[in-house]
Amino acid sequence: MSEIEKKEFEEFLEWKKEKSSQTDSTRPDNQITNNVSSTSVENTQSSGCGWKSGCGIGCLGVIILFLIFAAIGGNSQKQAGNDVVDWSEASVMSEQFLKDLMKYPDDVEFIKESRNVSEEGNKVFKVTGRMKANNSFGQSVPYTYNIRIKYNGGDWSSKYNWSRVGGNLYNEATQEFTEF
């Protein structure tokens, strides 16, 4: 670093110290008193809207265009995605079908870590995994399941837009195997 650069740097540090000591600690916004005139503070406080001067119609126009494009983009995605489902939606619906098969559907507990979902094509999904369900005596019994479901179109969250294609349920306690 040359002598001139050192001198400029030292002057800068000194200037910075002076500016920081000029801060009025009684002001809530900690503004430097030498740089802010009283009229600009009054204008900022009285406007209250947060808009900078000169940002009127241009900024408003940009915001309106953004909202229009966002609305159009959102609708096209919803229309295109009406008949598209993924493995997570198939997984949720498989739980509904399996609960319907059980005597006490409210007590069914799915073991999420054991779940495996695969798409077989033509909107048919195969879901395998483990769950626990209460039997007639109120005891929790482990089951292994394998269910195939087909999405028929429409709202994916409606059970009536899905159909059960096949599957089986294995009761690990009694070692009974049930096909459906």
N, C-alpha and C. Protein backbone atom coordinates (compact mmCIF):
# COMPACT_ATOMS: atom_id res chain seq x y z
N MET A 1 0.86 -1.16 0.00
CA MET A 1 0.00 0.00 0.00
C MET A 1 0.91 1.23 0.00
N SER A 2 0.66 2.17 -0.89
CA SER A 2 1.49 3.38 -0.97
C SER A 2 1.15 4.34 0.16
N GLU A 3 2.00 5.34 0.33
CA GLU A 3 1.80 6.34 1.39
C GLU A 3 0.51 7.12 1.17
N ILE A 4 0.19 7.42 -0.07
CA ILE A 4 -1.04 8.17 -0.40
C ILE A 4 -2.27 7.33 -0.03
N GLU A 5 -2.25 6.05 -0.37
CA GLU A 5 -3.37 5.17 -0.05
C GLU A 5 -3.57 5.03 1.45
N LYS A 6 -2.41 4.93 2.19
CA LYS A 6 -2.50 4.83 3.64
C LYS A 6 -3.13 6.07 4.23
N LYS A 7 -2.71 7.24 3.70
CA LYS A 7 -3.23 8.51 4.21
C LYS A 7 -4.73 8.62 3.92
N GLU A 8 -5.17 8.21 2.72
CA GLU A 8 -6.59 8.26 2.36
C GLU A 8 -7.41 7.30 3.25
N PHE A 9 -6.82 6.15 3.52
CA PHE A 9 -7.51 5.18 4.36
C PHE A 9 -7.67 5.71 5.79
N GLU A 10 -6.62 6.32 6.31
CA GLU A 10 -6.68 6.90 7.66
C GLU A 10 -7.71 8.02 7.72
N GLU A 11 -7.77 8.86 6.66
CA GLU A 11 -8.76 9.93 6.60
C GLU A 11 -10.18 9.35 6.58
N PHE A 12 -10.35 8.26 5.83
CA PHE A 12 -11.65 7.62 5.76
C PHE A 12 -12.08 7.11 7.13
N LEU A 13 -11.15 6.46 7.84
CA LEU A 13 -11.47 5.94 9.18
C LEU A 13 -11.83 7.08 10.13
N GLU A 14 -11.10 8.17 10.03
CA GLU A 14 -11.39 9.32 10.89
C GLU A 14 -12.75 9.91 10.57
N TRP A 15 -13.04 10.02 9.27
CA TRP A 15 -14.35 10.54 8.84
C TRP A 15 -15.47 9.64 9.35
N LYS A 16 -15.27 8.32 9.28
CA LYS A 16 -16.29 7.38 9.74
C LYS A 16 -16.53 7.51 11.24
N LYS A 17 -15.45 7.72 12.01
CA LYS A 17 -15.60 7.92 13.45
C LYS A 17 -16.42 9.16 13.75
N GLU A 18 -16.15 10.23 13.01
CA GLU A 18 -16.88 11.49 13.22
C GLU A 18 -18.36 11.29 12.92
N LYS A 19 -18.68 10.60 11.84
CA LYS A 19 -20.09 10.38 11.47
C LYS A 19 -20.80 9.53 12.50
N SER A 20 -20.13 8.51 13.01
CA SER A 20 -20.78 7.66 14.00
C SER A 20 -21.00 8.40 15.32
N SER A 21 -20.13 9.35 15.63
CA SER A 21 -20.32 10.12 16.87
C SER A 21 -21.41 11.16 16.70
N GLN A 22 -21.78 11.48 15.45
CA GLN A 22 -22.83 12.47 15.22
C GLN A 22 -24.22 11.87 15.26
N THR A 23 -24.34 10.59 15.47
CA THR A 23 -25.64 9.94 15.54
C THR A 23 -26.35 10.36 16.82
N ASP A 24 -27.57 10.78 16.66
CA ASP A 24 -28.35 11.24 17.80
C ASP A 24 -29.04 10.02 18.41
N SER A 25 -28.62 9.62 19.58
CA SER A 25 -29.16 8.40 20.19
C SER A 25 -30.58 8.57 20.69
N THR A 26 -31.09 9.79 20.75
CA THR A 26 -32.46 9.99 21.22
C THR A 26 -33.47 9.74 20.12
N ARG A 27 -33.04 9.73 18.85
CA ARG A 27 -33.98 9.48 17.75
C ARG A 27 -34.25 7.98 17.67
N PRO A 28 -35.48 7.59 17.50
CA PRO A 28 -35.79 6.16 17.48
C PRO A 28 -35.22 5.43 16.27
N ASP A 29 -35.05 6.11 15.15
CA ASP A 29 -34.57 5.43 13.96
C ASP A 29 -33.07 5.54 13.80
N ASN A 30 -32.37 6.14 14.77
CA ASN A 30 -30.91 6.23 14.78
C ASN A 30 -30.35 6.87 13.52
N GLN A 31 -31.03 7.88 12.98
CA GLN A 31 -30.55 8.55 11.78
C GLN A 31 -29.44 9.52 12.13
N ILE A 32 -28.53 9.76 11.19
CA ILE A 32 -27.46 10.74 11.40
C ILE A 32 -28.07 12.12 11.22
N THR A 33 -27.86 12.99 12.21
CA THR A 33 -28.54 14.28 12.21
C THR A 33 -28.03 15.21 11.14
N ASN A 34 -26.79 15.12 10.70
CA ASN A 34 -26.27 16.03 9.69
C ASN A 34 -26.82 15.72 8.31
N ASN A 35 -27.21 14.49 8.04
CA ASN A 35 -27.64 14.09 6.71
C ASN A 35 -29.14 14.19 6.51
N VAL A 36 -29.93 14.36 7.56
CA VAL A 36 -31.37 14.36 7.44
C VAL A 36 -31.90 15.73 7.80
N SER A 37 -32.63 16.31 6.86
CA SER A 37 -33.24 17.60 7.18
C SER A 37 -34.59 17.36 7.82
N SER A 38 -35.08 18.34 8.51
CA SER A 38 -36.35 18.17 9.21
C SER A 38 -37.50 18.05 8.24
N THR A 39 -37.43 18.67 7.05
CA THR A 39 -38.54 18.56 6.10
C THR A 39 -38.63 17.15 5.52
N SER A 40 -37.47 16.50 5.28
CA SER A 40 -37.55 15.15 4.72
C SER A 40 -38.10 14.18 5.75
N VAL A 41 -37.80 14.40 7.03
CA VAL A 41 -38.35 13.54 8.07
C VAL A 41 -39.85 13.74 8.15
N GLU A 42 -40.30 14.98 8.07
CA GLU A 42 -41.73 15.24 8.13
C GLU A 42 -42.44 14.63 6.94
N ASN A 43 -41.86 14.73 5.73
CA ASN A 43 -42.48 14.16 4.54
C ASN A 43 -42.57 12.64 4.64
N THR A 44 -41.53 12.02 5.16
CA THR A 44 -41.54 10.57 5.30
C THR A 44 -42.59 10.13 6.31
N GLN A 45 -42.71 10.86 7.40
CA GLN A 45 -43.64 10.46 8.43
C GLN A 45 -45.08 10.76 8.03
N SER A 46 -45.31 11.81 7.26
CA SER A 46 -46.68 12.17 6.93
C SER A 46 -47.23 11.33 5.80
N SER A 47 -46.37 10.85 4.88
CA SER A 47 -46.89 10.09 3.75
C SER A 47 -47.44 8.75 4.22
N GLY A 48 -46.70 8.03 5.02
CA GLY A 48 -47.19 6.81 5.63
C GLY A 48 -47.40 5.65 4.70
N CYS A 49 -47.30 5.84 3.37
CA CYS A 49 -47.60 4.75 2.46
C CYS A 49 -46.38 3.93 2.11
N GLY A 50 -45.19 4.45 2.30
CA GLY A 50 -44.00 3.70 2.00
C GLY A 50 -43.58 3.79 0.55
N TRP A 51 -44.34 4.45 -0.31
CA TRP A 51 -43.99 4.60 -1.71
C TRP A 51 -42.99 5.72 -1.86
N LYS A 52 -42.02 5.55 -2.72
CA LYS A 52 -41.08 6.61 -3.02
C LYS A 52 -41.75 7.56 -4.01
N SER A 53 -41.38 8.81 -3.95
CA SER A 53 -41.96 9.75 -4.91
C SER A 53 -41.47 9.38 -6.30
N GLY A 54 -42.36 9.48 -7.29
CA GLY A 54 -42.03 9.13 -8.65
C GLY A 54 -42.29 7.67 -8.98
N CYS A 55 -42.89 6.95 -8.10
CA CYS A 55 -43.12 5.53 -8.31
C CYS A 55 -44.60 5.26 -8.57
N GLY A 56 -45.39 6.20 -8.82
CA GLY A 56 -46.84 6.10 -8.92
C GLY A 56 -47.37 5.08 -9.89
N ILE A 57 -47.78 5.50 -11.07
CA ILE A 57 -48.49 4.65 -12.01
C ILE A 57 -47.60 3.56 -12.57
N GLY A 58 -46.32 3.85 -12.77
CA GLY A 58 -45.41 2.83 -13.33
C GLY A 58 -45.30 1.62 -12.43
N CYS A 59 -45.07 1.86 -11.16
CA CYS A 59 -44.95 0.74 -10.21
C CYS A 59 -46.28 0.01 -10.07
N LEU A 60 -47.35 0.76 -10.02
CA LEU A 60 -48.67 0.15 -9.90
C LEU A 60 -48.97 -0.71 -11.12
N GLY A 61 -48.58 -0.24 -12.30
CA GLY A 61 -48.78 -1.02 -13.52
C GLY A 61 -48.01 -2.32 -13.51
N VAL A 62 -46.78 -2.27 -13.04
CA VAL A 62 -45.95 -3.48 -12.97
C VAL A 62 -46.57 -4.48 -12.00
N ILE A 63 -47.05 -3.99 -10.87
CA ILE A 63 -47.67 -4.88 -9.88
C ILE A 63 -48.93 -5.52 -10.44
N ILE A 64 -49.75 -4.75 -11.13
CA ILE A 64 -50.99 -5.29 -11.72
C ILE A 64 -50.66 -6.35 -12.77
N LEU A 65 -49.67 -6.08 -13.63
CA LEU A 65 -49.28 -7.07 -14.64
C LEU A 65 -48.76 -8.35 -13.98
N PHE A 66 -47.99 -8.20 -12.92
CA PHE A 66 -47.49 -9.38 -12.21
C PHE A 66 -48.65 -10.22 -11.69
N LEU A 67 -49.64 -9.56 -11.09
CA LEU A 67 -50.78 -10.29 -10.54
C LEU A 67 -51.59 -10.99 -11.64
N ILE A 68 -51.73 -10.33 -12.79
CA ILE A 68 -52.48 -10.93 -13.91
C ILE A 68 -51.76 -12.18 -14.41
N PHE A 69 -50.43 -12.07 -14.63
CA PHE A 69 -49.68 -13.23 -15.12
C PHE A 69 -49.65 -14.35 -14.09
N ALA A 70 -49.60 -14.00 -12.82
CA ALA A 70 -49.62 -15.03 -11.78
C ALA A 70 -50.95 -15.77 -11.78
N ALA A 71 -52.05 -15.03 -11.96
CA ALA A 71 -53.37 -15.66 -11.98
C ALA A 71 -53.53 -16.55 -13.20
N ILE A 72 -53.08 -16.08 -14.35
CA ILE A 72 -53.18 -16.88 -15.58
C ILE A 72 -52.32 -18.13 -15.46
N GLY A 73 -51.11 -17.99 -14.96
CA GLY A 73 -50.21 -19.13 -14.80
C GLY A 73 -50.76 -20.15 -13.83
N GLY A 74 -51.35 -19.69 -12.75
CA GLY A 74 -51.91 -20.60 -11.76
C GLY A 74 -53.08 -21.38 -12.31
N ASN A 75 -53.96 -20.73 -13.10
CA ASN A 75 -55.11 -21.43 -13.67
C ASN A 75 -54.68 -22.46 -14.70
N SER A 76 -53.68 -22.15 -15.52
CA SER A 76 -53.26 -23.11 -16.53
C SER A 76 -52.64 -24.34 -15.88
N GLN A 77 -51.95 -24.16 -14.77
CA GLN A 77 -51.38 -25.32 -14.08
C GLN A 77 -52.48 -26.17 -13.48
N LYS A 78 -53.51 -25.56 -12.94
CA LYS A 78 -54.61 -26.33 -12.35
C LYS A 78 -55.34 -27.11 -13.43
N GLN A 79 -55.57 -26.48 -14.61
CA GLN A 79 -56.28 -27.17 -15.67
C GLN A 79 -55.46 -28.31 -16.23
N ALA A 80 -54.16 -28.08 -16.39
CA ALA A 80 -53.30 -29.13 -16.95
C ALA A 80 -53.11 -30.25 -15.93
N GLY A 81 -53.08 -29.94 -14.64
CA GLY A 81 -52.81 -30.92 -13.62
C GLY A 81 -54.02 -31.67 -13.12
N ASN A 82 -55.19 -31.47 -13.74
CA ASN A 82 -56.40 -32.12 -13.27
C ASN A 82 -56.30 -33.64 -13.34
N ASP A 83 -55.69 -34.17 -14.37
CA ASP A 83 -55.61 -35.62 -14.53
C ASP A 83 -54.20 -36.15 -14.30
N VAL A 84 -53.39 -35.39 -13.59
CA VAL A 84 -52.02 -35.82 -13.29
C VAL A 84 -51.90 -36.03 -11.79
N VAL A 85 -51.47 -37.22 -11.41
CA VAL A 85 -51.25 -37.53 -10.00
C VAL A 85 -49.85 -38.08 -9.85
N ASP A 86 -49.33 -38.03 -8.65
CA ASP A 86 -48.00 -38.57 -8.40
C ASP A 86 -48.09 -39.61 -7.29
N TRP A 87 -46.95 -40.14 -6.91
CA TRP A 87 -46.90 -41.24 -5.95
C TRP A 87 -47.41 -40.82 -4.57
N SER A 88 -47.20 -39.55 -4.19
CA SER A 88 -47.64 -39.12 -2.85
C SER A 88 -49.16 -39.11 -2.76
N GLU A 89 -49.81 -38.69 -3.83
CA GLU A 89 -51.28 -38.68 -3.83
C GLU A 89 -51.82 -40.11 -3.85
N ALA A 90 -51.17 -40.97 -4.59
CA ALA A 90 -51.57 -42.38 -4.61
C ALA A 90 -51.37 -43.01 -3.24
N SER A 91 -50.33 -42.61 -2.55
CA SER A 91 -50.05 -43.12 -1.21
C SER A 91 -51.16 -42.74 -0.24
N VAL A 92 -51.59 -41.50 -0.31
CA VAL A 92 -52.66 -41.02 0.57
C VAL A 92 -53.95 -41.79 0.29
N MET A 93 -54.27 -41.98 -0.98
CA MET A 93 -55.51 -42.67 -1.31
C MET A 93 -55.46 -44.16 -0.96
N SER A 94 -54.28 -44.75 -1.04
CA SER A 94 -54.17 -46.17 -0.66
C SER A 94 -54.50 -46.35 0.81
N GLU A 95 -54.12 -45.38 1.64
CA GLU A 95 -54.46 -45.45 3.06
C GLU A 95 -55.98 -45.44 3.26
N GLN A 96 -56.68 -44.64 2.47
CA GLN A 96 -58.14 -44.60 2.59
C GLN A 96 -58.76 -45.95 2.25
N PHE A 97 -58.29 -46.57 1.16
CA PHE A 97 -58.82 -47.88 0.78
C PHE A 97 -58.52 -48.94 1.84
N LEU A 98 -57.32 -48.92 2.39
CA LEU A 98 -56.95 -49.90 3.40
C LEU A 98 -57.74 -49.69 4.69
N LYS A 99 -57.98 -48.45 5.07
CA LYS A 99 -58.78 -48.19 6.28
C LYS A 99 -60.20 -48.72 6.12
N ASP A 100 -60.74 -48.62 4.90
CA ASP A 100 -62.09 -49.11 4.64
C ASP A 100 -62.19 -50.63 4.81
N LEU A 101 -61.08 -51.34 4.65
CA LEU A 101 -61.09 -52.79 4.79
C LEU A 101 -61.04 -53.24 6.25
N MET A 102 -60.64 -52.36 7.13
CA MET A 102 -60.43 -52.72 8.53
C MET A 102 -61.70 -52.56 9.35
N LYS A 103 -61.80 -53.33 10.41
CA LYS A 103 -62.98 -53.29 11.29
C LYS A 103 -63.04 -51.98 12.07
N TYR A 104 -61.87 -51.46 12.48
CA TYR A 104 -61.80 -50.19 13.22
C TYR A 104 -60.87 -49.23 12.46
N PRO A 105 -61.40 -48.56 11.44
CA PRO A 105 -60.55 -47.72 10.57
C PRO A 105 -59.89 -46.54 11.28
N ASP A 106 -60.48 -46.05 12.34
CA ASP A 106 -59.90 -44.90 13.04
C ASP A 106 -58.64 -45.27 13.81
N ASP A 107 -58.46 -46.55 14.10
CA ASP A 107 -57.31 -46.99 14.90
C ASP A 107 -56.15 -47.49 14.05
N VAL A 108 -56.24 -47.39 12.73
CA VAL A 108 -55.18 -47.87 11.85
C VAL A 108 -54.00 -46.90 11.91
N GLU A 109 -52.80 -47.46 12.06
CA GLU A 109 -51.56 -46.67 12.11
C GLU A 109 -50.63 -47.18 11.02
N PHE A 110 -50.30 -46.30 10.06
CA PHE A 110 -49.41 -46.68 8.96
C PHE A 110 -47.96 -46.39 9.34
N ILE A 111 -47.10 -47.31 8.99
CA ILE A 111 -45.67 -47.14 9.24
C ILE A 111 -45.07 -46.55 7.96
N LYS A 112 -44.90 -45.24 7.98
CA LYS A 112 -44.52 -44.50 6.77
C LYS A 112 -43.17 -44.93 6.22
N GLU A 113 -42.23 -45.30 7.08
CA GLU A 113 -40.89 -45.67 6.63
C GLU A 113 -40.89 -46.93 5.77
N SER A 114 -41.89 -47.77 5.94
CA SER A 114 -41.93 -49.03 5.21
C SER A 114 -42.65 -48.91 3.87
N ARG A 115 -43.22 -47.78 3.59
CA ARG A 115 -44.04 -47.62 2.39
C ARG A 115 -43.18 -47.53 1.14
N ASN A 116 -43.65 -48.18 0.08
CA ASN A 116 -43.00 -48.13 -1.22
C ASN A 116 -44.10 -47.95 -2.26
N VAL A 117 -43.96 -46.93 -3.11
CA VAL A 117 -44.96 -46.64 -4.13
C VAL A 117 -44.29 -46.71 -5.49
N SER A 118 -44.93 -47.40 -6.41
CA SER A 118 -44.41 -47.44 -7.79
C SER A 118 -45.58 -47.27 -8.75
N GLU A 119 -45.28 -46.63 -9.86
CA GLU A 119 -46.32 -46.43 -10.88
C GLU A 119 -46.15 -47.52 -11.92
N GLU A 120 -47.25 -48.22 -12.19
CA GLU A 120 -47.20 -49.32 -13.15
C GLU A 120 -47.61 -48.86 -14.54
N GLY A 121 -47.95 -47.60 -14.69
CA GLY A 121 -48.39 -47.09 -15.98
C GLY A 121 -49.89 -47.04 -16.06
N ASN A 122 -50.39 -46.24 -16.99
CA ASN A 122 -51.83 -46.11 -17.21
C ASN A 122 -52.56 -45.67 -15.94
N LYS A 123 -51.89 -44.81 -15.13
CA LYS A 123 -52.44 -44.25 -13.89
C LYS A 123 -52.75 -45.30 -12.83
N VAL A 124 -52.00 -46.42 -12.87
CA VAL A 124 -52.14 -47.47 -11.87
C VAL A 124 -50.90 -47.42 -10.97
N PHE A 125 -51.14 -47.42 -9.66
CA PHE A 125 -50.06 -47.34 -8.68
C PHE A 125 -50.09 -48.58 -7.79
N LYS A 126 -48.92 -49.07 -7.46
CA LYS A 126 -48.79 -50.19 -6.54
C LYS A 126 -48.15 -49.65 -5.26
N VAL A 127 -48.83 -49.83 -4.14
CA VAL A 127 -48.35 -49.33 -2.85
C VAL A 127 -48.18 -50.53 -1.93
N THR A 128 -46.99 -50.66 -1.35
CA THR A 128 -46.71 -51.72 -0.39
C THR A 128 -46.19 -51.11 0.90
N GLY A 129 -46.39 -51.82 2.00
CA GLY A 129 -45.90 -51.30 3.27
C GLY A 129 -46.43 -52.09 4.44
N ARG A 130 -46.31 -51.50 5.62
CA ARG A 130 -46.77 -52.13 6.86
C ARG A 130 -47.67 -51.17 7.60
N MET A 131 -48.56 -51.75 8.41
CA MET A 131 -49.47 -50.95 9.22
C MET A 131 -49.85 -51.75 10.46
N LYS A 132 -50.44 -51.06 11.41
CA LYS A 132 -50.97 -51.71 12.60
C LYS A 132 -52.43 -51.33 12.72
N ALA A 133 -53.25 -52.32 13.07
CA ALA A 133 -54.68 -52.08 13.23
C ALA A 133 -55.19 -52.91 14.41
N ASN A 134 -56.22 -52.40 15.05
CA ASN A 134 -56.80 -53.11 16.19
C ASN A 134 -57.70 -54.23 15.73
N ASN A 135 -57.63 -55.35 16.44
CA ASN A 135 -58.53 -56.46 16.15
C ASN A 135 -59.79 -56.34 17.03
N SER A 136 -60.61 -57.35 17.05
CA SER A 136 -61.86 -57.32 17.81
C SER A 136 -61.63 -57.21 19.31
N PHE A 137 -60.46 -57.63 19.78
CA PHE A 137 -60.16 -57.57 21.20
C PHE A 137 -59.46 -56.26 21.59
N GLY A 138 -59.25 -55.39 20.64
CA GLY A 138 -58.60 -54.11 20.91
C GLY A 138 -57.09 -54.16 20.91
N GLN A 139 -56.53 -55.30 20.48
CA GLN A 139 -55.07 -55.43 20.43
C GLN A 139 -54.56 -54.94 19.08
N SER A 140 -53.42 -54.28 19.10
CA SER A 140 -52.80 -53.79 17.88
C SER A 140 -52.11 -54.95 17.17
N VAL A 141 -52.50 -55.19 15.93
CA VAL A 141 -51.98 -56.31 15.15
C VAL A 141 -51.21 -55.76 13.94
N PRO A 142 -50.00 -56.26 13.67
CA PRO A 142 -49.24 -55.79 12.51
C PRO A 142 -49.72 -56.46 11.21
N TYR A 143 -49.77 -55.68 10.16
CA TYR A 143 -50.17 -56.15 8.84
C TYR A 143 -49.12 -55.72 7.82
N THR A 144 -48.98 -56.53 6.78
CA THR A 144 -48.21 -56.14 5.60
C THR A 144 -49.22 -56.05 4.47
N TYR A 145 -49.15 -54.97 3.70
CA TYR A 145 -50.14 -54.78 2.64
C TYR A 145 -49.47 -54.56 1.29
N ASN A 146 -50.25 -54.87 0.28
CA ASN A 146 -49.87 -54.66 -1.11
C ASN A 146 -51.17 -54.31 -1.82
N ILE A 147 -51.30 -53.08 -2.29
CA ILE A 147 -52.54 -52.65 -2.91
C ILE A 147 -52.24 -51.96 -4.23
N ARG A 148 -53.08 -52.23 -5.21
CA ARG A 148 -52.98 -51.56 -6.51
C ARG A 148 -54.23 -50.72 -6.70
N ILE A 149 -54.03 -49.43 -6.99
CA ILE A 149 -55.16 -48.53 -7.20
C ILE A 149 -54.98 -47.78 -8.51
N LYS A 150 -56.10 -47.40 -9.10
CA LYS A 150 -56.08 -46.70 -10.39
C LYS A 150 -56.78 -45.36 -10.24
N TYR A 151 -56.14 -44.33 -10.78
CA TYR A 151 -56.72 -42.99 -10.78
C TYR A 151 -57.57 -42.85 -12.04
N ASN A 152 -58.84 -42.45 -11.84
CA ASN A 152 -59.78 -42.36 -12.96
C ASN A 152 -59.99 -40.94 -13.47
N GLY A 153 -59.35 -39.96 -12.87
CA GLY A 153 -59.49 -38.57 -13.30
C GLY A 153 -60.35 -37.79 -12.32
N GLY A 154 -60.26 -36.47 -12.40
CA GLY A 154 -61.01 -35.60 -11.50
C GLY A 154 -60.18 -35.19 -10.31
N ASP A 155 -60.86 -34.84 -9.24
CA ASP A 155 -60.19 -34.41 -8.02
C ASP A 155 -59.51 -35.60 -7.37
N TRP A 156 -58.19 -35.55 -7.25
CA TRP A 156 -57.45 -36.71 -6.74
C TRP A 156 -57.81 -37.03 -5.30
N SER A 157 -58.27 -36.04 -4.52
CA SER A 157 -58.53 -36.27 -3.10
C SER A 157 -59.88 -36.94 -2.83
N SER A 158 -60.67 -37.13 -3.86
CA SER A 158 -61.95 -37.82 -3.70
C SER A 158 -61.75 -39.32 -3.94
N LYS A 159 -62.14 -40.11 -2.98
CA LYS A 159 -61.99 -41.56 -3.09
C LYS A 159 -62.78 -42.12 -4.26
N TYR A 160 -63.80 -41.41 -4.69
CA TYR A 160 -64.65 -41.90 -5.76
C TYR A 160 -64.01 -41.74 -7.13
N ASN A 161 -62.89 -41.02 -7.21
CA ASN A 161 -62.16 -40.88 -8.48
C ASN A 161 -61.02 -41.89 -8.59
N TRP A 162 -61.00 -42.84 -7.69
CA TRP A 162 -60.00 -43.91 -7.68
C TRP A 162 -60.73 -45.26 -7.65
N SER A 163 -60.08 -46.28 -8.11
CA SER A 163 -60.64 -47.62 -7.99
C SER A 163 -59.55 -48.58 -7.54
N ARG A 164 -59.95 -49.56 -6.76
CA ARG A 164 -59.01 -50.56 -6.28
C ARG A 164 -58.90 -51.65 -7.35
N VAL A 165 -57.70 -51.89 -7.84
CA VAL A 165 -57.48 -52.86 -8.91
C VAL A 165 -57.18 -54.23 -8.34
N GLY A 166 -56.57 -54.28 -7.18
CA GLY A 166 -56.24 -55.56 -6.57
C GLY A 166 -55.31 -55.35 -5.40
N GLY A 167 -54.92 -56.45 -4.79
CA GLY A 167 -53.98 -56.37 -3.69
C GLY A 167 -54.19 -57.50 -2.70
N ASN A 168 -53.42 -57.44 -1.64
CA ASN A 168 -53.55 -58.44 -0.59
C ASN A 168 -53.11 -57.85 0.74
N LEU A 169 -53.52 -58.53 1.79
CA LEU A 169 -53.26 -58.09 3.16
C LEU A 169 -52.82 -59.32 3.95
N TYR A 170 -51.70 -59.19 4.64
CA TYR A 170 -51.15 -60.31 5.41
C TYR A 170 -51.16 -59.93 6.89
N ASN A 171 -51.92 -60.70 7.69
CA ASN A 171 -51.98 -60.51 9.13
C ASN A 171 -50.80 -61.25 9.73
N GLU A 172 -49.84 -60.48 10.28
CA GLU A 172 -48.63 -61.09 10.80
C GLU A 172 -48.86 -61.86 12.09
N ALA A 173 -49.89 -61.52 12.83
CA ALA A 173 -50.16 -62.21 14.10
C ALA A 173 -50.77 -63.59 13.85
N THR A 174 -51.76 -63.65 12.98
CA THR A 174 -52.42 -64.93 12.71
C THR A 174 -51.86 -65.62 11.47
N GLN A 175 -51.00 -64.97 10.74
CA GLN A 175 -50.40 -65.46 9.50
C GLN A 175 -51.46 -65.78 8.45
N GLU A 176 -52.53 -64.97 8.46
CA GLU A 176 -53.59 -65.12 7.45
C GLU A 176 -53.32 -64.16 6.29
N PHE A 177 -53.61 -64.65 5.10
CA PHE A 177 -53.37 -63.91 3.87
C PHE A 177 -54.71 -63.66 3.21
N THR A 178 -55.05 -62.39 2.98
CA THR A 178 -56.34 -62.05 2.37
C THR A 178 -56.13 -61.31 1.06
N GLU A 179 -56.76 -61.79 -0.01
CA GLU A 179 -56.70 -61.10 -1.30
C GLU A 179 -57.96 -60.28 -1.49
N PHE A 180 -57.80 -59.15 -2.10
CA PHE A 180 -58.99 -58.32 -2.42
C PHE A 180 -58.86 -57.76 -3.80
